């Protein structure tokens, strides 16, 4: 889960259990907007490198096109 304010982005990693309505935060990362942009750029760069080395049917394009 990702939330943001004027000064920070909060990224929560949660555990979802089937049949359990309540979730529990397992880890939380709080970063500045500038660092969030750097993280986004680093993820994009690494995904592009990954996709350059895999077959077209293994690429992640489909998961982003539904948004």
PDB file of N, CA and C in Angstrom:
ATOM      1  N   UNK A   1       0.845  -1.159   0.000  1.00  0.00           N
ATOM      2  CA  UNK A   1       0.000   0.000   0.000  1.00  0.00           C
ATOM      3  C   UNK A   1       0.897   1.230   0.000  1.00  0.00           C
ATOM      4  N   UNK A   2       0.481   2.238  -0.754  1.00  0.00           N
ATOM      5  CA  UNK A   2       1.264   3.469  -0.844  1.00  0.00           C
ATOM      6  C   UNK A   2       0.367   4.648  -0.517  1.00  0.00           C
ATOM      7  N   UNK A   3       0.856   5.513   0.346  1.00  0.00           N
ATOM      8  CA  UNK A   3       0.158   6.754   0.693  1.00  0.00           C
ATOM      9  C   UNK A   3       1.167   7.889   0.590  1.00  0.00           C
ATOM     10  N   UNK A   4       0.665   9.113   0.431  1.00  0.00           N
ATOM     11  CA  UNK A   4       1.570  10.241   0.356  1.00  0.00           C
ATOM     12  C   UNK A   4       0.983  11.455   1.045  1.00  0.00           C
ATOM     13  N   UNK A   5       1.894  12.311   1.473  1.00  0.00           N
ATOM     14  CA  UNK A   5       1.529  13.618   2.013  1.00  0.00           C
ATOM     15  C   UNK A   5       2.359  14.643   1.248  1.00  0.00           C
ATOM     16  N   UNK A   6       2.333  15.881   1.685  1.00  0.00           N
ATOM     17  CA  UNK A   6       3.136  16.901   1.011  1.00  0.00           C
ATOM     18  C   UNK A   6       4.630  16.669   1.190  1.00  0.00           C
ATOM     19  N   UNK A   7       5.018  15.948   2.238  1.00  0.00           N
ATOM     20  CA  UNK A   7       6.439  15.824   2.535  1.00  0.00           C
ATOM     21  C   UNK A   7       6.995  14.406   2.481  1.00  0.00           C
ATOM     22  N   UNK A   8       6.140  13.394   2.312  1.00  0.00           N
ATOM     23  CA  UNK A   8       6.646  12.025   2.347  1.00  0.00           C
ATOM     24  C   UNK A   8       5.734  11.048   1.621  1.00  0.00           C
ATOM     25  N   UNK A   9       6.352   9.954   1.164  1.00  0.00           N
ATOM     26  CA  UNK A   9       5.627   8.798   0.657  1.00  0.00           C
ATOM     27  C   UNK A   9       5.795   7.691   1.673  1.00  0.00           C
ATOM     28  N   UNK A  10       4.719   6.981   1.957  1.00  0.00           N
ATOM     29  CA  UNK A  10       4.754   5.876   2.901  1.00  0.00           C
ATOM     30  C   UNK A  10       4.399   4.607   2.139  1.00  0.00           C
ATOM     31  N   UNK A  11       5.322   3.650   2.149  1.00  0.00           N
ATOM     32  CA  UNK A  11       5.120   2.377   1.468  1.00  0.00           C
ATOM     33  C   UNK A  11       5.005   1.307   2.549  1.00  0.00           C
ATOM     34  N   UNK A  12       3.834   0.699   2.642  1.00  0.00           N
ATOM     35  CA  UNK A  12       3.588  -0.355   3.622  1.00  0.00           C
ATOM     36  C   UNK A  12       3.566  -1.711   2.926  1.00  0.00           C
ATOM     37  N   UNK A  13       4.307  -2.639   3.468  1.00  0.00           N
ATOM     38  CA  UNK A  13       4.263  -4.027   3.019  1.00  0.00           C
ATOM     39  C   UNK A  13       3.407  -4.770   4.038  1.00  0.00           C
ATOM     40  N   UNK A  14       2.308  -5.346   3.544  1.00  0.00           N
ATOM     41  CA  UNK A  14       1.342  -5.956   4.448  1.00  0.00           C
ATOM     42  C   UNK A  14       1.219  -7.452   4.177  1.00  0.00           C
ATOM     43  N   UNK A  15       0.690  -8.157   5.150  1.00  0.00           N
ATOM     44  CA  UNK A  15       0.423  -9.586   4.994  1.00  0.00           C
ATOM     45  C   UNK A  15      -1.090  -9.765   4.911  1.00  0.00           C
ATOM     46  N   UNK A  16      -1.547 -10.308   3.778  1.00  0.00           N
ATOM     47  CA  UNK A  16      -2.954 -10.625   3.593  1.00  0.00           C
ATOM     48  C   UNK A  16      -3.141 -12.121   3.789  1.00  0.00           C
ATOM     49  N   UNK A  17      -4.027 -12.467   4.666  1.00  0.00           N
ATOM     50  CA  UNK A  17      -4.326 -13.876   4.912  1.00  0.00           C
ATOM     51  C   UNK A  17      -5.745 -14.164   4.437  1.00  0.00           C
ATOM     52  N   UNK A  18      -5.952 -15.235   3.677  1.00  0.00           N
ATOM     53  CA  UNK A  18      -7.300 -15.586   3.222  1.00  0.00           C
ATOM     54  C   UNK A  18      -8.234 -15.800   4.407  1.00  0.00           C
ATOM     55  N   UNK A  19      -9.398 -15.198   4.317  1.00  0.00           N
ATOM     56  CA  UNK A  19     -10.398 -15.370   5.364  1.00  0.00           C
ATOM     57  C   UNK A  19     -10.195 -14.507   6.593  1.00  0.00           C
ATOM     58  N   UNK A  20      -9.133 -13.720   6.623  1.00  0.00           N
ATOM     59  CA  UNK A  20      -8.862 -12.842   7.765  1.00  0.00           C
ATOM     60  C   UNK A  20      -9.077 -11.408   7.309  1.00  0.00           C
ATOM     61  N   UNK A  21     -10.081 -10.721   7.878  1.00  0.00           N
ATOM     62  CA  UNK A  21     -10.405  -9.376   7.386  1.00  0.00           C
ATOM     63  C   UNK A  21      -9.367  -8.310   7.745  1.00  0.00           C
ATOM     64  N   UNK A  22      -8.577  -8.545   8.775  1.00  0.00           N
ATOM     65  CA  UNK A  22      -7.622  -7.543   9.219  1.00  0.00           C
ATOM     66  C   UNK A  22      -6.224  -7.854   8.677  1.00  0.00           C
ATOM     67  N   UNK A  23      -5.551  -6.818   8.163  1.00  0.00           N
ATOM     68  CA  UNK A  23      -4.188  -7.000   7.678  1.00  0.00           C
ATOM     69  C   UNK A  23      -3.208  -6.450   8.703  1.00  0.00           C
ATOM     70  N   UNK A  24      -1.963  -6.857   8.566  1.00  0.00           N
ATOM     71  CA  UNK A  24      -0.934  -6.394   9.482  1.00  0.00           C
ATOM     72  C   UNK A  24       0.239  -5.860   8.665  1.00  0.00           C
ATOM     73  N   UNK A  25       0.697  -4.665   9.019  1.00  0.00           N
ATOM     74  CA  UNK A  25       1.858  -4.087   8.354  1.00  0.00           C
ATOM     75  C   UNK A  25       3.094  -4.823   8.837  1.00  0.00           C
ATOM     76  N   UNK A  26       3.838  -5.397   7.895  1.00  0.00           N
ATOM     77  CA  UNK A  26       5.056  -6.128   8.236  1.00  0.00           C
ATOM     78  C   UNK A  26       6.284  -5.230   8.153  1.00  0.00           C
ATOM     79  N   UNK A  27       6.227  -4.243   7.269  1.00  0.00           N
ATOM     80  CA  UNK A  27       7.356  -3.337   7.111  1.00  0.00           C
ATOM     81  C   UNK A  27       6.844  -2.023   6.528  1.00  0.00           C
ATOM     82  N   UNK A  28       7.476  -0.929   6.926  1.00  0.00           N
ATOM     83  CA  UNK A  28       7.069   0.393   6.433  1.00  0.00           C
ATOM     84  C   UNK A  28       8.310   1.169   6.032  1.00  0.00           C
ATOM     85  N   UNK A  29       8.231   1.798   4.859  1.00  0.00           N
ATOM     86  CA  UNK A  29       9.304   2.658   4.376  1.00  0.00           C
ATOM     87  C   UNK A  29       8.719   4.051   4.178  1.00  0.00           C
ATOM     88  N   UNK A  30       9.374   5.050   4.750  1.00  0.00           N
ATOM     89  CA  UNK A  30       8.964   6.441   4.585  1.00  0.00           C
ATOM     90  C   UNK A  30      10.088   7.154   3.838  1.00  0.00           C
ATOM     91  N   UNK A  31       9.755   7.729   2.672  1.00  0.00           N
ATOM     92  CA  UNK A  31      10.766   8.399   1.861  1.00  0.00           C
ATOM     93  C   UNK A  31      10.240   9.748   1.383  1.00  0.00           C
ATOM     94  N   UNK A  32      11.170  10.623   1.052  1.00  0.00           N
ATOM     95  CA  UNK A  32      10.804  11.944   0.528  1.00  0.00           C
ATOM     96  C   UNK A  32      10.314  11.801  -0.913  1.00  0.00           C
ATOM     97  N   UNK A  33       9.579  12.788  -1.422  1.00  0.00           N
ATOM     98  CA  UNK A  33       9.165  12.739  -2.824  1.00  0.00           C
ATOM     99  C   UNK A  33      10.351  12.610  -3.789  1.00  0.00           C
ATOM    100  N   UNK A  34      11.460  13.266  -3.473  1.00  0.00           N
ATOM    101  CA  UNK A  34      12.649  13.171  -4.331  1.00  0.00           C
ATOM    102  C   UNK A  34      13.182  11.741  -4.375  1.00  0.00           C
ATOM    103  N   UNK A  35      13.232  11.085  -3.225  1.00  0.00           N
ATOM    104  CA  UNK A  35      13.695   9.706  -3.200  1.00  0.00           C
ATOM    105  C   UNK A  35      12.683   8.769  -3.858  1.00  0.00           C
ATOM    106  N   UNK A  36      11.400   9.084  -3.759  1.00  0.00           N
ATOM    107  CA  UNK A  36      10.389   8.269  -4.438  1.00  0.00           C
ATOM    108  C   UNK A  36      10.595   8.333  -5.947  1.00  0.00           C
ATOM    109  N   UNK A  37      10.930   9.505  -6.471  1.00  0.00           N
ATOM    110  CA  UNK A  37      11.193   9.636  -7.911  1.00  0.00           C
ATOM    111  C   UNK A  37      12.430   8.844  -8.310  1.00  0.00           C
ATOM    112  N   UNK A  38      13.455   8.861  -7.459  1.00  0.00           N
ATOM    113  CA  UNK A  38      14.664   8.085  -7.744  1.00  0.00           C
ATOM    114  C   UNK A  38      14.370   6.586  -7.716  1.00  0.00           C
ATOM    115  N   UNK A  39      13.553   6.155  -6.769  1.00  0.00           N
ATOM    116  CA  UNK A  39      13.161   4.750  -6.696  1.00  0.00           C
ATOM    117  C   UNK A  39      12.385   4.351  -7.941  1.00  0.00           C
ATOM    118  N   UNK A  40      11.450   5.190  -8.356  1.00  0.00           N
ATOM    119  CA  UNK A  40      10.672   4.917  -9.564  1.00  0.00           C
ATOM    120  C   UNK A  40      11.581   4.781 -10.785  1.00  0.00           C
ATOM    121  N   UNK A  41      12.547   5.684 -10.926  1.00  0.00           N
ATOM    122  CA  UNK A  41      13.476   5.640 -12.061  1.00  0.00           C
ATOM    123  C   UNK A  41      14.332   4.376 -12.005  1.00  0.00           C
ATOM    124  N   UNK A  42      14.796   4.004 -10.810  1.00  0.00           N
ATOM    125  CA  UNK A  42      15.619   2.804 -10.673  1.00  0.00           C
ATOM    126  C   UNK A  42      14.817   1.547 -11.002  1.00  0.00           C
ATOM    127  N   UNK A  43      13.566   1.494 -10.543  1.00  0.00           N
ATOM    128  CA  UNK A  43      12.711   0.345 -10.860  1.00  0.00           C
ATOM    129  C   UNK A  43      12.455   0.256 -12.356  1.00  0.00           C
ATOM    130  N   UNK A  44      12.158   1.394 -12.991  1.00  0.00           N
ATOM    131  CA  UNK A  44      11.908   1.391 -14.427  1.00  0.00           C
ATOM    132  C   UNK A  44      13.144   0.911 -15.189  1.00  0.00           C
ATOM    133  N   UNK A  45      14.315   1.410 -14.811  1.00  0.00           N
ATOM    134  CA  UNK A  45      15.554   1.014 -15.470  1.00  0.00           C
ATOM    135  C   UNK A  45      15.783  -0.488 -15.337  1.00  0.00           C
ATOM    136  N   UNK A  46      15.581  -1.027 -14.148  1.00  0.00           N
ATOM    137  CA  UNK A  46      15.797  -2.455 -13.930  1.00  0.00           C
ATOM    138  C   UNK A  46      14.763  -3.309 -14.648  1.00  0.00           C
ATOM    139  N   UNK A  47      13.517  -2.864 -14.694  1.00  0.00           N
ATOM    140  CA  UNK A  47      12.484  -3.607 -15.428  1.00  0.00           C
ATOM    141  C   UNK A  47      12.788  -3.596 -16.914  1.00  0.00           C
ATOM    142  N   UNK A  48      13.220  -2.445 -17.440  1.00  0.00           N
ATOM    143  CA  UNK A  48      13.590  -2.372 -18.861  1.00  0.00           C
ATOM    144  C   UNK A  48      14.732  -3.328 -19.183  1.00  0.00           C
ATOM    145  N   UNK A  49      15.742  -3.396 -18.317  1.00  0.00           N
ATOM    146  CA  UNK A  49      16.863  -4.324 -18.527  1.00  0.00           C
ATOM    147  C   UNK A  49      16.385  -5.769 -18.471  1.00  0.00           C
ATOM    148  N   UNK A  50      15.502  -6.068 -17.525  1.00  0.00           N
ATOM    149  CA  UNK A  50      14.954  -7.420 -17.410  1.00  0.00           C
ATOM    150  C   UNK A  50      14.189  -7.797 -18.675  1.00  0.00           C
ATOM    151  N   UNK A  51      13.318  -6.906 -19.126  1.00  0.00           N
ATOM    152  CA  UNK A  51      12.484  -7.208 -20.284  1.00  0.00           C
ATOM    153  C   UNK A  51      13.294  -7.315 -21.567  1.00  0.00           C
ATOM    154  N   UNK A  52      14.429  -6.659 -21.630  1.00  0.00           N
ATOM    155  CA  UNK A  52      15.289  -6.769 -22.817  1.00  0.00           C
ATOM    156  C   UNK A  52      15.866  -8.179 -22.951  1.00  0.00           C
ATOM    157  N   UNK A  53      15.910  -8.915 -21.859  1.00  0.00           N
ATOM    158  CA  UNK A  53      16.501 -10.247 -21.890  1.00  0.00           C
ATOM    159  C   UNK A  53      15.523 -11.391 -21.837  1.00  0.00           C
ATOM    160  N   UNK A  54      14.211 -11.112 -21.898  1.00  0.00           N
ATOM    161  CA  UNK A  54      13.226 -12.196 -21.838  1.00  0.00           C
ATOM    162  C   UNK A  54      12.390 -12.231 -23.108  1.00  0.00           C
ATOM    163  N   UNK A  55      11.697 -13.353 -23.297  1.00  0.00           N
ATOM    164  CA  UNK A  55      10.816 -13.489 -24.456  1.00  0.00           C
ATOM    165  C   UNK A  55       9.651 -12.505 -24.355  1.00  0.00           C
ATOM    166  N   UNK A  56       9.084 -12.092 -25.487  1.00  0.00           N
ATOM    167  CA  UNK A  56       7.957 -11.150 -25.459  1.00  0.00           C
ATOM    168  C   UNK A  56       6.765 -11.619 -24.627  1.00  0.00           C
ATOM    169  N   UNK A  57       6.500 -12.931 -24.582  1.00  0.00           N
ATOM    170  CA  UNK A  57       5.352 -13.426 -23.824  1.00  0.00           C
ATOM    171  C   UNK A  57       5.604 -13.406 -22.312  1.00  0.00           C
ATOM    172  N   UNK A  58       6.822 -13.121 -21.884  1.00  0.00           N
ATOM    173  CA  UNK A  58       7.138 -13.051 -20.460  1.00  0.00           C
ATOM    174  C   UNK A  58       7.198 -11.606 -19.953  1.00  0.00           C
ATOM    175  N   UNK A  59       6.985 -10.653 -20.822  1.00  0.00           N
ATOM    176  CA  UNK A  59       7.112  -9.254 -20.431  1.00  0.00           C
ATOM    177  C   UNK A  59       5.952  -8.817 -19.553  1.00  0.00           C
ATOM    178  N   UNK A  60       6.144  -7.704 -18.862  1.00  0.00           N
ATOM    179  CA  UNK A  60       5.184  -7.223 -17.862  1.00  0.00           C
ATOM    180  C   UNK A  60       4.233  -6.175 -18.418  1.00  0.00           C
ATOM    181  N   UNK A  61       4.180  -5.964 -19.730  1.00  0.00           N
ATOM    182  CA  UNK A  61       3.334  -4.923 -20.315  1.00  0.00           C
ATOM    183  C   UNK A  61       1.870  -5.076 -19.929  1.00  0.00           C
ATOM    184  N   UNK A  62       1.383  -6.314 -19.880  1.00  0.00           N
ATOM    185  CA  UNK A  62      -0.031  -6.547 -19.615  1.00  0.00           C
ATOM    186  C   UNK A  62      -0.466  -6.055 -18.242  1.00  0.00           C
ATOM    187  N   UNK A  63       0.374  -6.162 -17.240  1.00  0.00           N
ATOM    188  CA  UNK A  63      -0.038  -5.778 -15.892  1.00  0.00           C
ATOM    189  C   UNK A  63      -0.159  -4.266 -15.752  1.00  0.00           C
ATOM    190  N   UNK A  64       0.496  -3.498 -16.588  1.00  0.00           N
ATOM    191  CA  UNK A  64       0.419  -2.041 -16.495  1.00  0.00           C
ATOM    192  C   UNK A  64      -0.662  -1.450 -17.396  1.00  0.00           C
ATOM    193  N   UNK A  65      -1.059  -2.176 -18.437  1.00  0.00           N
ATOM    194  CA  UNK A  65      -2.029  -1.622 -19.382  1.00  0.00           C
ATOM    195  C   UNK A  65      -3.449  -1.573 -18.829  1.00  0.00           C
ATOM    196  N   UNK A  66      -3.732  -2.291 -17.750  1.00  0.00           N
ATOM    197  CA  UNK A  66      -5.084  -2.306 -17.200  1.00  0.00           C
ATOM    198  C   UNK A  66      -5.361  -1.127 -16.294  1.00  0.00           C
ATOM    199  N   UNK A  67      -4.377  -0.273 -16.041  1.00  0.00           N
ATOM    200  CA  UNK A  67      -4.567   0.868 -15.127  1.00  0.00           C
ATOM    201  C   UNK A  67      -5.081   2.081 -15.822  1.00  0.00           C
TER     202      UNK A  67
END
